[in-house]
N, C-alpha and C. Protein backbone atom coordinates (compact mmCIF):
# COMPACT_ATOMS: atom_id res chain seq x y z
N MET A 1 22.54 -19.47 -6.68
CA MET A 1 22.01 -18.33 -7.39
C MET A 1 20.59 -18.01 -6.94
N LYS A 2 19.77 -19.08 -6.79
CA LYS A 2 18.39 -18.87 -6.35
C LYS A 2 18.35 -18.30 -4.94
N THR A 3 19.28 -18.74 -4.10
CA THR A 3 19.33 -18.25 -2.72
C THR A 3 19.62 -16.75 -2.70
N ILE A 4 20.53 -16.30 -3.55
CA ILE A 4 20.87 -14.87 -3.61
C ILE A 4 19.66 -14.07 -4.08
N ARG A 5 18.95 -14.57 -5.08
CA ARG A 5 17.76 -13.88 -5.57
C ARG A 5 16.68 -13.82 -4.50
N LYS A 6 16.50 -14.90 -3.77
CA LYS A 6 15.50 -14.92 -2.70
C LYS A 6 15.86 -13.92 -1.61
N ARG A 7 17.13 -13.91 -1.23
CA ARG A 7 17.57 -12.96 -0.19
C ARG A 7 17.41 -11.52 -0.65
N THR A 8 17.77 -11.26 -1.89
CA THR A 8 17.63 -9.91 -2.44
C THR A 8 16.16 -9.50 -2.45
N ALA A 9 15.30 -10.41 -2.89
CA ALA A 9 13.87 -10.11 -2.92
C ALA A 9 13.34 -9.87 -1.52
N LEU A 10 13.78 -10.65 -0.55
CA LEU A 10 13.34 -10.45 0.84
C LEU A 10 13.83 -9.12 1.40
N LEU A 11 15.06 -8.74 1.08
CA LEU A 11 15.59 -7.45 1.54
C LEU A 11 14.80 -6.29 0.95
N ILE A 12 14.50 -6.38 -0.33
CA ILE A 12 13.72 -5.32 -0.98
C ILE A 12 12.33 -5.25 -0.38
N LEU A 13 11.71 -6.41 -0.17
CA LEU A 13 10.38 -6.45 0.44
C LEU A 13 10.40 -5.86 1.85
N ALA A 14 11.43 -6.19 2.63
CA ALA A 14 11.54 -5.66 3.99
C ALA A 14 11.71 -4.14 3.96
N ALA A 15 12.53 -3.64 3.04
CA ALA A 15 12.75 -2.19 2.94
C ALA A 15 11.47 -1.47 2.54
N LEU A 16 10.76 -2.01 1.57
CA LEU A 16 9.50 -1.39 1.14
C LEU A 16 8.45 -1.44 2.25
N THR A 17 8.41 -2.54 2.99
CA THR A 17 7.47 -2.66 4.10
C THR A 17 7.79 -1.62 5.18
N ALA A 18 9.06 -1.48 5.51
CA ALA A 18 9.46 -0.50 6.51
C ALA A 18 9.12 0.92 6.05
N ALA A 19 9.39 1.21 4.78
CA ALA A 19 9.08 2.55 4.25
C ALA A 19 7.58 2.80 4.30
N GLY A 20 6.79 1.77 3.96
CA GLY A 20 5.33 1.92 4.01
C GLY A 20 4.83 2.16 5.42
N ILE A 21 5.38 1.43 6.37
CA ILE A 21 4.97 1.60 7.77
C ILE A 21 5.30 3.01 8.24
N LEU A 22 6.51 3.47 7.94
CA LEU A 22 6.90 4.83 8.35
C LEU A 22 6.02 5.88 7.69
N TYR A 23 5.69 5.67 6.42
CA TYR A 23 4.84 6.63 5.72
C TYR A 23 3.46 6.70 6.38
N PHE A 24 2.84 5.55 6.61
CA PHE A 24 1.51 5.56 7.19
C PHE A 24 1.53 6.01 8.64
N ALA A 25 2.59 5.71 9.37
CA ALA A 25 2.70 6.20 10.74
C ALA A 25 2.74 7.72 10.75
N ARG A 26 3.47 8.30 9.80
CA ARG A 26 3.54 9.76 9.74
C ARG A 26 2.21 10.34 9.29
N GLU A 27 1.57 9.72 8.28
CA GLU A 27 0.29 10.21 7.78
C GLU A 27 -0.79 10.14 8.85
N LEU A 28 -0.76 9.13 9.69
CA LEU A 28 -1.78 8.97 10.73
C LEU A 28 -1.36 9.61 12.05
N ASN A 29 -0.28 10.38 12.01
CA ASN A 29 0.24 11.08 13.18
C ASN A 29 0.60 10.12 14.31
N TRP A 30 1.02 8.91 13.96
CA TRP A 30 1.53 7.99 14.97
C TRP A 30 2.97 8.30 15.31
N ALA A 31 3.64 8.95 14.39
CA ALA A 31 5.03 9.30 14.58
C ALA A 31 5.24 10.70 14.03
N PRO A 32 6.05 11.52 14.70
CA PRO A 32 6.30 12.87 14.19
C PRO A 32 7.11 12.82 12.92
N ALA A 33 6.87 13.76 12.01
CA ALA A 33 7.58 13.82 10.74
C ALA A 33 8.79 14.74 10.86
N ARG A 34 9.97 14.18 10.73
CA ARG A 34 11.22 14.94 10.73
C ARG A 34 11.30 15.98 11.84
N GLN A 35 11.07 15.56 13.05
CA GLN A 35 11.20 16.47 14.18
C GLN A 35 12.33 15.98 15.06
N ASN A 36 12.91 16.90 15.79
CA ASN A 36 13.95 16.51 16.72
C ASN A 36 13.30 15.73 17.85
N PRO A 37 14.05 14.79 18.46
CA PRO A 37 13.48 14.05 19.57
C PRO A 37 13.18 14.99 20.73
N PRO A 38 12.21 14.63 21.60
CA PRO A 38 11.89 15.51 22.72
C PRO A 38 13.08 15.60 23.66
N PRO A 39 13.22 16.73 24.36
CA PRO A 39 14.34 16.86 25.28
C PRO A 39 14.26 15.81 26.37
N ALA A 40 15.43 15.41 26.86
CA ALA A 40 15.48 14.38 27.89
C ALA A 40 14.81 14.87 29.16
N GLN A 41 14.17 13.97 29.84
CA GLN A 41 13.46 14.29 31.08
C GLN A 41 14.41 14.14 32.26
N THR A 42 15.51 14.88 32.25
CA THR A 42 16.52 14.73 33.29
C THR A 42 16.43 15.81 34.37
N GLU A 43 15.66 16.83 34.14
CA GLU A 43 15.56 17.89 35.13
C GLU A 43 14.74 17.41 36.33
N ALA A 44 15.25 17.71 37.51
CA ALA A 44 14.53 17.35 38.73
C ALA A 44 13.35 18.30 38.91
N PRO A 45 12.23 17.80 39.44
CA PRO A 45 11.10 18.70 39.66
C PRO A 45 11.46 19.77 40.69
N LYS A 46 10.91 20.94 40.50
CA LYS A 46 11.20 22.05 41.42
C LYS A 46 10.43 21.83 42.72
N PRO A 47 11.10 22.09 43.85
CA PRO A 47 10.40 21.92 45.12
C PRO A 47 9.33 23.00 45.27
N PRO A 48 8.26 22.69 46.02
CA PRO A 48 7.23 23.72 46.20
C PRO A 48 7.78 24.90 46.98
N GLU A 49 7.28 26.07 46.66
CA GLU A 49 7.72 27.28 47.34
C GLU A 49 7.08 27.36 48.72
N PRO A 50 7.80 27.92 49.69
CA PRO A 50 7.22 28.04 51.04
C PRO A 50 6.02 28.98 51.04
N ASP A 51 5.12 28.76 52.00
CA ASP A 51 3.94 29.61 52.11
C ASP A 51 4.36 30.97 52.65
N THR A 52 4.34 31.96 51.79
CA THR A 52 4.62 33.33 52.19
C THR A 52 3.57 34.21 51.56
N PRO A 53 3.21 35.26 52.24
CA PRO A 53 2.21 36.15 51.66
C PRO A 53 2.77 36.78 50.39
N GLU A 54 1.91 36.89 49.41
CA GLU A 54 2.33 37.48 48.14
C GLU A 54 2.42 38.99 48.26
N ALA A 55 3.45 39.51 47.60
CA ALA A 55 3.59 40.97 47.55
C ALA A 55 2.61 41.48 46.52
N PRO A 56 2.11 42.68 46.70
CA PRO A 56 1.19 43.22 45.70
C PRO A 56 1.91 43.33 44.36
N PRO A 57 1.21 43.05 43.29
CA PRO A 57 1.86 43.13 41.98
C PRO A 57 2.25 44.56 41.66
N GLU A 58 3.41 44.65 40.99
CA GLU A 58 3.87 45.99 40.59
C GLU A 58 3.09 46.42 39.36
N ALA A 59 2.94 47.69 39.23
CA ALA A 59 2.21 48.21 38.07
C ALA A 59 3.06 47.99 36.82
N THR A 60 2.45 47.45 35.80
CA THR A 60 3.16 47.27 34.53
C THR A 60 2.44 48.10 33.48
N PRO A 61 3.22 48.61 32.54
CA PRO A 61 2.58 49.42 31.50
C PRO A 61 1.66 48.54 30.66
N PRO A 62 0.58 49.10 30.16
CA PRO A 62 -0.33 48.31 29.33
C PRO A 62 0.37 47.87 28.05
N GLU A 63 -0.01 46.68 27.58
CA GLU A 63 0.59 46.17 26.34
C GLU A 63 -0.01 46.90 25.15
N THR A 64 0.83 47.08 24.15
CA THR A 64 0.35 47.70 22.92
C THR A 64 -0.30 46.61 22.09
N PRO A 65 -1.52 46.81 21.65
CA PRO A 65 -2.16 45.76 20.84
C PRO A 65 -1.46 45.60 19.50
N GLU A 66 -1.51 44.36 18.99
CA GLU A 66 -0.94 44.07 17.66
C GLU A 66 -1.78 44.79 16.61
N PRO A 67 -1.18 45.26 15.53
CA PRO A 67 -1.96 45.87 14.46
C PRO A 67 -2.95 44.85 13.90
N PRO A 68 -4.11 45.31 13.45
CA PRO A 68 -5.09 44.37 12.90
C PRO A 68 -4.50 43.57 11.74
N GLY A 69 -4.88 42.29 11.68
CA GLY A 69 -4.41 41.43 10.60
C GLY A 69 -3.05 40.83 10.84
N GLN A 70 -2.39 41.23 11.93
CA GLN A 70 -1.06 40.69 12.24
C GLN A 70 -1.21 39.53 13.20
N PRO A 71 -0.38 38.48 13.08
CA PRO A 71 -0.46 37.37 14.02
C PRO A 71 0.02 37.81 15.40
N GLU A 72 -0.48 37.15 16.43
CA GLU A 72 -0.05 37.47 17.78
C GLU A 72 1.42 37.18 17.94
N SER A 73 2.06 37.83 18.92
CA SER A 73 3.48 37.60 19.16
C SER A 73 3.69 36.12 19.43
N GLY A 74 4.73 35.56 18.87
CA GLY A 74 5.04 34.15 19.06
C GLY A 74 4.34 33.26 18.04
N ALA A 75 3.32 33.75 17.37
CA ALA A 75 2.59 32.92 16.41
C ALA A 75 3.47 32.60 15.19
N LEU A 76 4.39 33.51 14.85
CA LEU A 76 5.26 33.26 13.71
C LEU A 76 6.18 32.08 13.97
N GLU A 77 6.57 31.88 15.23
CA GLU A 77 7.46 30.78 15.56
C GLU A 77 6.79 29.44 15.30
N LYS A 78 5.48 29.37 15.44
CA LYS A 78 4.75 28.13 15.29
C LYS A 78 4.41 27.84 13.83
N GLN A 79 4.40 28.85 13.00
CA GLN A 79 4.05 28.69 11.60
C GLN A 79 5.26 28.18 10.82
N PRO A 80 5.07 27.18 9.96
CA PRO A 80 6.21 26.73 9.15
C PRO A 80 6.58 27.80 8.13
N VAL A 81 7.85 27.88 7.84
CA VAL A 81 8.33 28.81 6.82
C VAL A 81 8.09 28.15 5.47
N MET A 82 7.23 28.74 4.69
CA MET A 82 6.87 28.18 3.39
C MET A 82 7.80 28.74 2.32
N VAL A 83 8.31 27.85 1.47
CA VAL A 83 9.15 28.29 0.36
C VAL A 83 8.37 28.30 -0.94
N SER A 84 7.19 27.70 -0.92
CA SER A 84 6.27 27.76 -2.05
C SER A 84 4.87 27.47 -1.50
N GLU A 85 3.88 27.48 -2.35
CA GLU A 85 2.50 27.33 -1.89
C GLU A 85 2.26 26.04 -1.10
N HIS A 86 2.85 24.94 -1.53
CA HIS A 86 2.59 23.64 -0.91
C HIS A 86 3.76 23.07 -0.10
N PHE A 87 4.90 23.73 -0.07
CA PHE A 87 6.07 23.15 0.58
C PHE A 87 6.68 24.09 1.62
N ALA A 88 6.92 23.51 2.80
CA ALA A 88 7.62 24.23 3.86
C ALA A 88 9.12 24.03 3.67
N ARG A 89 9.88 24.98 4.14
CA ARG A 89 11.35 24.88 4.04
C ARG A 89 11.85 23.60 4.69
N ASP A 90 11.25 23.22 5.81
CA ASP A 90 11.71 22.04 6.54
C ASP A 90 11.54 20.74 5.76
N GLU A 91 10.69 20.73 4.74
CA GLU A 91 10.54 19.52 3.93
C GLU A 91 11.80 19.24 3.12
N TYR A 92 12.65 20.24 2.94
CA TYR A 92 13.91 20.09 2.22
C TYR A 92 15.08 19.82 3.18
N ARG A 93 14.85 19.84 4.48
CA ARG A 93 15.88 19.73 5.52
C ARG A 93 16.68 18.43 5.39
N CYS A 94 17.98 18.51 5.66
CA CYS A 94 18.84 17.33 5.71
C CYS A 94 18.37 16.46 6.87
N ASP A 95 18.22 15.16 6.62
CA ASP A 95 17.71 14.27 7.66
C ASP A 95 18.82 13.45 8.32
N CYS A 96 20.00 14.06 8.43
CA CYS A 96 21.11 13.37 9.08
C CYS A 96 20.86 13.26 10.58
N ALA A 97 21.75 12.54 11.23
CA ALA A 97 21.62 12.31 12.67
C ALA A 97 22.32 13.40 13.47
N GLY A 98 22.24 14.63 13.01
CA GLY A 98 22.81 15.74 13.77
C GLY A 98 24.19 16.17 13.33
N TYR A 99 24.63 15.77 12.14
CA TYR A 99 25.94 16.20 11.65
C TYR A 99 25.93 17.67 11.27
N CYS A 100 24.76 18.18 10.90
CA CYS A 100 24.66 19.57 10.46
C CYS A 100 23.42 20.21 11.09
N ASP A 101 23.20 21.47 10.80
CA ASP A 101 22.03 22.18 11.34
C ASP A 101 20.78 21.95 10.51
N GLY A 102 20.86 21.07 9.52
CA GLY A 102 19.71 20.78 8.67
C GLY A 102 19.76 21.47 7.32
N PHE A 103 20.57 22.52 7.22
CA PHE A 103 20.66 23.24 5.96
C PHE A 103 22.11 23.61 5.65
N PRO A 104 22.93 22.62 5.26
CA PRO A 104 24.28 22.96 4.84
C PRO A 104 24.26 23.78 3.54
N ALA A 105 23.12 23.73 2.86
CA ALA A 105 22.86 24.57 1.68
C ALA A 105 21.36 24.84 1.68
N GLU A 106 20.96 25.93 1.09
CA GLU A 106 19.54 26.24 0.97
C GLU A 106 18.99 25.57 -0.29
N PRO A 107 17.73 25.15 -0.25
CA PRO A 107 17.14 24.63 -1.48
C PRO A 107 17.11 25.74 -2.53
N GLN A 108 17.59 25.46 -3.71
CA GLN A 108 17.69 26.48 -4.74
C GLN A 108 16.30 26.87 -5.25
N PRO A 109 16.07 28.16 -5.44
CA PRO A 109 14.76 28.63 -5.89
C PRO A 109 14.27 27.95 -7.16
N GLY A 110 15.16 27.67 -8.10
CA GLY A 110 14.75 27.00 -9.34
C GLY A 110 14.20 25.60 -9.07
N LEU A 111 14.81 24.90 -8.12
CA LEU A 111 14.32 23.57 -7.75
C LEU A 111 12.96 23.68 -7.07
N VAL A 112 12.85 24.60 -6.12
CA VAL A 112 11.62 24.79 -5.37
C VAL A 112 10.46 25.12 -6.31
N SER A 113 10.68 26.04 -7.24
CA SER A 113 9.58 26.44 -8.13
C SER A 113 9.17 25.30 -9.06
N ARG A 114 10.12 24.50 -9.50
CA ARG A 114 9.77 23.39 -10.39
C ARG A 114 9.07 22.26 -9.63
N ILE A 115 9.47 22.01 -8.38
CA ILE A 115 8.77 20.99 -7.59
C ILE A 115 7.36 21.47 -7.25
N GLU A 116 7.19 22.75 -7.02
CA GLU A 116 5.84 23.30 -6.81
C GLU A 116 5.00 23.11 -8.08
N ALA A 117 5.59 23.37 -9.24
CA ALA A 117 4.88 23.16 -10.51
C ALA A 117 4.51 21.68 -10.67
N LEU A 118 5.40 20.79 -10.24
CA LEU A 118 5.12 19.36 -10.30
C LEU A 118 3.94 19.02 -9.39
N ARG A 119 3.94 19.58 -8.19
CA ARG A 119 2.83 19.33 -7.24
C ARG A 119 1.51 19.76 -7.86
N GLN A 120 1.50 20.90 -8.51
CA GLN A 120 0.27 21.37 -9.14
C GLN A 120 -0.11 20.53 -10.34
N ALA A 121 0.86 20.03 -11.09
CA ALA A 121 0.58 19.17 -12.24
C ALA A 121 0.01 17.82 -11.79
N VAL A 122 0.52 17.31 -10.68
CA VAL A 122 0.04 16.02 -10.16
C VAL A 122 -1.36 16.19 -9.58
N GLY A 123 -1.61 17.34 -8.94
CA GLY A 123 -2.90 17.57 -8.31
C GLY A 123 -3.09 16.78 -7.03
N ALA A 124 -2.00 16.35 -6.44
CA ALA A 124 -2.03 15.56 -5.21
C ALA A 124 -0.72 15.83 -4.46
N PRO A 125 -0.67 15.48 -3.18
CA PRO A 125 0.57 15.71 -2.43
C PRO A 125 1.79 15.03 -3.05
N VAL A 126 2.91 15.72 -2.98
CA VAL A 126 4.20 15.19 -3.39
C VAL A 126 5.06 15.20 -2.13
N ILE A 127 5.61 14.05 -1.80
CA ILE A 127 6.37 13.90 -0.56
C ILE A 127 7.86 13.90 -0.89
N ILE A 128 8.60 14.81 -0.26
CA ILE A 128 10.05 14.88 -0.44
C ILE A 128 10.68 13.98 0.61
N THR A 129 11.38 12.95 0.15
CA THR A 129 12.01 12.02 1.09
C THR A 129 13.46 12.38 1.37
N SER A 130 14.07 13.13 0.48
CA SER A 130 15.45 13.58 0.68
C SER A 130 15.64 14.87 -0.09
N GLY A 131 15.97 15.93 0.62
CA GLY A 131 16.20 17.22 -0.01
C GLY A 131 17.67 17.57 0.06
N VAL A 132 17.99 18.58 0.83
CA VAL A 132 19.37 19.00 1.02
C VAL A 132 20.08 17.93 1.85
N ARG A 133 21.32 17.65 1.53
CA ARG A 133 22.11 16.68 2.30
C ARG A 133 23.47 17.28 2.64
N CYS A 134 23.92 17.00 3.86
CA CYS A 134 25.29 17.34 4.22
C CYS A 134 26.20 16.22 3.69
N GLU A 135 27.49 16.46 3.71
CA GLU A 135 28.46 15.49 3.20
C GLU A 135 28.31 14.14 3.88
N GLU A 136 28.18 14.14 5.21
CA GLU A 136 28.10 12.89 5.96
C GLU A 136 26.85 12.09 5.59
N ARG A 137 25.70 12.77 5.50
CA ARG A 137 24.46 12.07 5.15
C ARG A 137 24.52 11.55 3.73
N ASN A 138 25.10 12.33 2.83
CA ASN A 138 25.23 11.89 1.45
C ASN A 138 26.04 10.60 1.37
N GLU A 139 27.12 10.52 2.15
CA GLU A 139 27.94 9.30 2.18
C GLU A 139 27.15 8.14 2.78
N GLU A 140 26.37 8.40 3.84
CA GLU A 140 25.58 7.34 4.48
C GLU A 140 24.61 6.68 3.52
N VAL A 141 23.98 7.46 2.67
CA VAL A 141 22.97 6.92 1.76
C VAL A 141 23.57 6.46 0.43
N GLY A 142 24.89 6.54 0.31
CA GLY A 142 25.54 6.08 -0.92
C GLY A 142 25.46 7.06 -2.06
N GLY A 143 25.27 8.36 -1.74
CA GLY A 143 25.20 9.38 -2.79
C GLY A 143 26.55 9.59 -3.45
N VAL A 144 26.53 10.01 -4.69
CA VAL A 144 27.77 10.27 -5.41
C VAL A 144 28.45 11.52 -4.86
N ALA A 145 29.76 11.61 -5.03
CA ALA A 145 30.53 12.74 -4.48
C ALA A 145 30.05 14.08 -5.03
N TRP A 146 29.57 14.10 -6.27
CA TRP A 146 29.14 15.36 -6.91
C TRP A 146 27.62 15.57 -6.78
N SER A 147 27.00 14.93 -5.80
CA SER A 147 25.55 14.97 -5.65
C SER A 147 24.99 16.39 -5.62
N PHE A 148 23.94 16.60 -6.40
CA PHE A 148 23.25 17.88 -6.43
C PHE A 148 22.52 18.14 -5.11
N HIS A 149 22.26 17.09 -4.33
CA HIS A 149 21.61 17.26 -3.02
C HIS A 149 22.47 18.16 -2.12
N LYS A 150 23.79 18.04 -2.21
CA LYS A 150 24.69 18.81 -1.35
C LYS A 150 24.66 20.30 -1.68
N ARG A 151 24.14 20.65 -2.87
CA ARG A 151 24.05 22.06 -3.29
C ARG A 151 22.64 22.61 -3.19
N GLY A 152 21.69 21.77 -2.72
CA GLY A 152 20.30 22.21 -2.66
C GLY A 152 19.65 22.23 -4.02
N ALA A 153 20.17 21.44 -4.96
CA ALA A 153 19.65 21.45 -6.32
C ALA A 153 19.00 20.13 -6.71
N ALA A 154 18.70 19.26 -5.72
CA ALA A 154 18.08 17.97 -6.02
C ALA A 154 17.18 17.54 -4.87
N ALA A 155 16.24 16.66 -5.20
CA ALA A 155 15.35 16.08 -4.19
C ALA A 155 14.90 14.71 -4.69
N ASP A 156 14.63 13.83 -3.73
CA ASP A 156 14.01 12.56 -4.04
C ASP A 156 12.56 12.68 -3.57
N LEU A 157 11.62 12.22 -4.36
CA LEU A 157 10.21 12.42 -4.01
C LEU A 157 9.32 11.36 -4.62
N TYR A 158 8.10 11.31 -4.11
CA TYR A 158 7.07 10.42 -4.66
C TYR A 158 5.72 11.05 -4.37
N SER A 159 4.70 10.52 -5.00
CA SER A 159 3.33 10.95 -4.76
C SER A 159 2.50 9.69 -4.56
N PRO A 160 1.88 9.53 -3.38
CA PRO A 160 1.11 8.32 -3.11
C PRO A 160 0.07 8.06 -4.20
N GLY A 161 0.09 6.85 -4.72
CA GLY A 161 -0.88 6.46 -5.72
C GLY A 161 -0.52 6.85 -7.14
N VAL A 162 0.58 7.58 -7.34
CA VAL A 162 1.00 7.99 -8.68
C VAL A 162 2.18 7.11 -9.09
N PRO A 163 2.06 6.40 -10.20
CA PRO A 163 3.16 5.55 -10.66
C PRO A 163 4.44 6.36 -10.89
N VAL A 164 5.57 5.72 -10.62
CA VAL A 164 6.87 6.38 -10.79
C VAL A 164 7.03 6.93 -12.21
N GLY A 165 6.65 6.16 -13.21
CA GLY A 165 6.80 6.61 -14.60
C GLY A 165 5.98 7.86 -14.89
N THR A 166 4.77 7.91 -14.35
CA THR A 166 3.90 9.08 -14.55
C THR A 166 4.51 10.30 -13.86
N LEU A 167 4.96 10.10 -12.62
CA LEU A 167 5.57 11.21 -11.87
C LEU A 167 6.83 11.70 -12.58
N ALA A 168 7.64 10.78 -13.08
CA ALA A 168 8.87 11.15 -13.79
C ALA A 168 8.55 11.95 -15.04
N ALA A 169 7.53 11.54 -15.79
CA ALA A 169 7.16 12.26 -17.02
C ALA A 169 6.66 13.67 -16.69
N LEU A 170 5.85 13.78 -15.64
CA LEU A 170 5.35 15.11 -15.24
C LEU A 170 6.51 15.99 -14.77
N ALA A 171 7.46 15.41 -14.02
CA ALA A 171 8.61 16.17 -13.54
C ALA A 171 9.44 16.68 -14.71
N LYS A 172 9.61 15.85 -15.70
CA LYS A 172 10.36 16.26 -16.89
C LYS A 172 9.65 17.41 -17.60
N ASP A 173 8.31 17.32 -17.68
CA ASP A 173 7.52 18.38 -18.29
C ASP A 173 7.65 19.70 -17.52
N CYS A 174 7.97 19.62 -16.23
CA CYS A 174 8.12 20.82 -15.39
C CYS A 174 9.54 21.37 -15.44
N GLY A 175 10.40 20.80 -16.29
CA GLY A 175 11.75 21.32 -16.45
C GLY A 175 12.77 20.72 -15.52
N LEU A 176 12.45 19.58 -14.89
CA LEU A 176 13.38 18.92 -13.99
C LEU A 176 14.13 17.81 -14.72
N ASN A 177 15.39 17.63 -14.38
CA ASN A 177 16.12 16.45 -14.83
C ASN A 177 15.68 15.32 -13.92
N VAL A 178 15.46 14.14 -14.47
CA VAL A 178 14.78 13.07 -13.75
C VAL A 178 15.58 11.78 -13.80
N LEU A 179 15.61 11.08 -12.66
CA LEU A 179 16.15 9.73 -12.59
C LEU A 179 15.13 8.90 -11.81
N PRO A 180 14.30 8.12 -12.51
CA PRO A 180 13.28 7.34 -11.81
C PRO A 180 13.88 6.07 -11.18
N TYR A 181 13.45 5.76 -9.98
CA TYR A 181 13.84 4.53 -9.28
C TYR A 181 12.57 3.69 -9.16
N TYR A 182 12.27 2.95 -10.22
CA TYR A 182 11.03 2.18 -10.28
C TYR A 182 10.93 1.16 -9.15
N SER A 183 12.01 0.43 -8.89
CA SER A 183 11.94 -0.62 -7.87
C SER A 183 11.83 -0.06 -6.46
N SER A 184 12.30 1.15 -6.25
CA SER A 184 12.23 1.76 -4.92
C SER A 184 11.02 2.67 -4.75
N GLY A 185 10.35 3.01 -5.87
CA GLY A 185 9.12 3.77 -5.78
C GLY A 185 9.26 5.27 -5.64
N TYR A 186 10.40 5.83 -6.08
CA TYR A 186 10.55 7.28 -6.02
C TYR A 186 11.28 7.81 -7.24
N VAL A 187 11.30 9.13 -7.35
CA VAL A 187 11.96 9.81 -8.47
C VAL A 187 12.98 10.78 -7.90
N HIS A 188 14.19 10.76 -8.44
CA HIS A 188 15.21 11.76 -8.11
C HIS A 188 15.05 12.86 -9.15
N VAL A 189 14.92 14.11 -8.68
CA VAL A 189 14.82 15.25 -9.58
C VAL A 189 15.92 16.25 -9.25
N GLU A 190 16.39 16.96 -10.27
CA GLU A 190 17.42 17.98 -10.05
C GLU A 190 17.34 19.03 -11.15
N ILE A 191 17.99 20.17 -10.85
CA ILE A 191 18.04 21.24 -11.86
C ILE A 191 19.46 21.38 -12.35
């Protein structure tokens, strides 16, 4: 019996250590946060072009300037799509290993607005560790068949330095249904 307890305690400690390392690696930009891996470096380098005299450039029509206050062309692609003041849409993305396009369902507006209210109530960053999930990812993490994550109506989250009980109480005050995971250090919220 003692051996089982020791092994369980070691497994929990190892999981928490790994989660802490990943969190700090992401916070310190040692590791990218939820990004696709870089494309494989399989393309052969292009051979240099032969020395030939350049043809004179053809006349091109002048570019029309962007209206004042508008971002330059292509700048929108680099900006994250925000679903609320503090949260980008990608923070709700399914983190599966490529089973889906990341959004088998959209995060529901009611969930997004309540999590934003929670962020403002906490007064500190709130980190979403699991938002929308596809069927395969939900099964991988042991989610229930009727999981609200699959509908975009649930998220697992934490706030560094904020006790789980405090975060759970604030989430409840913001109109969220709450399931605190004290031993794992996060709160499951849903609408």
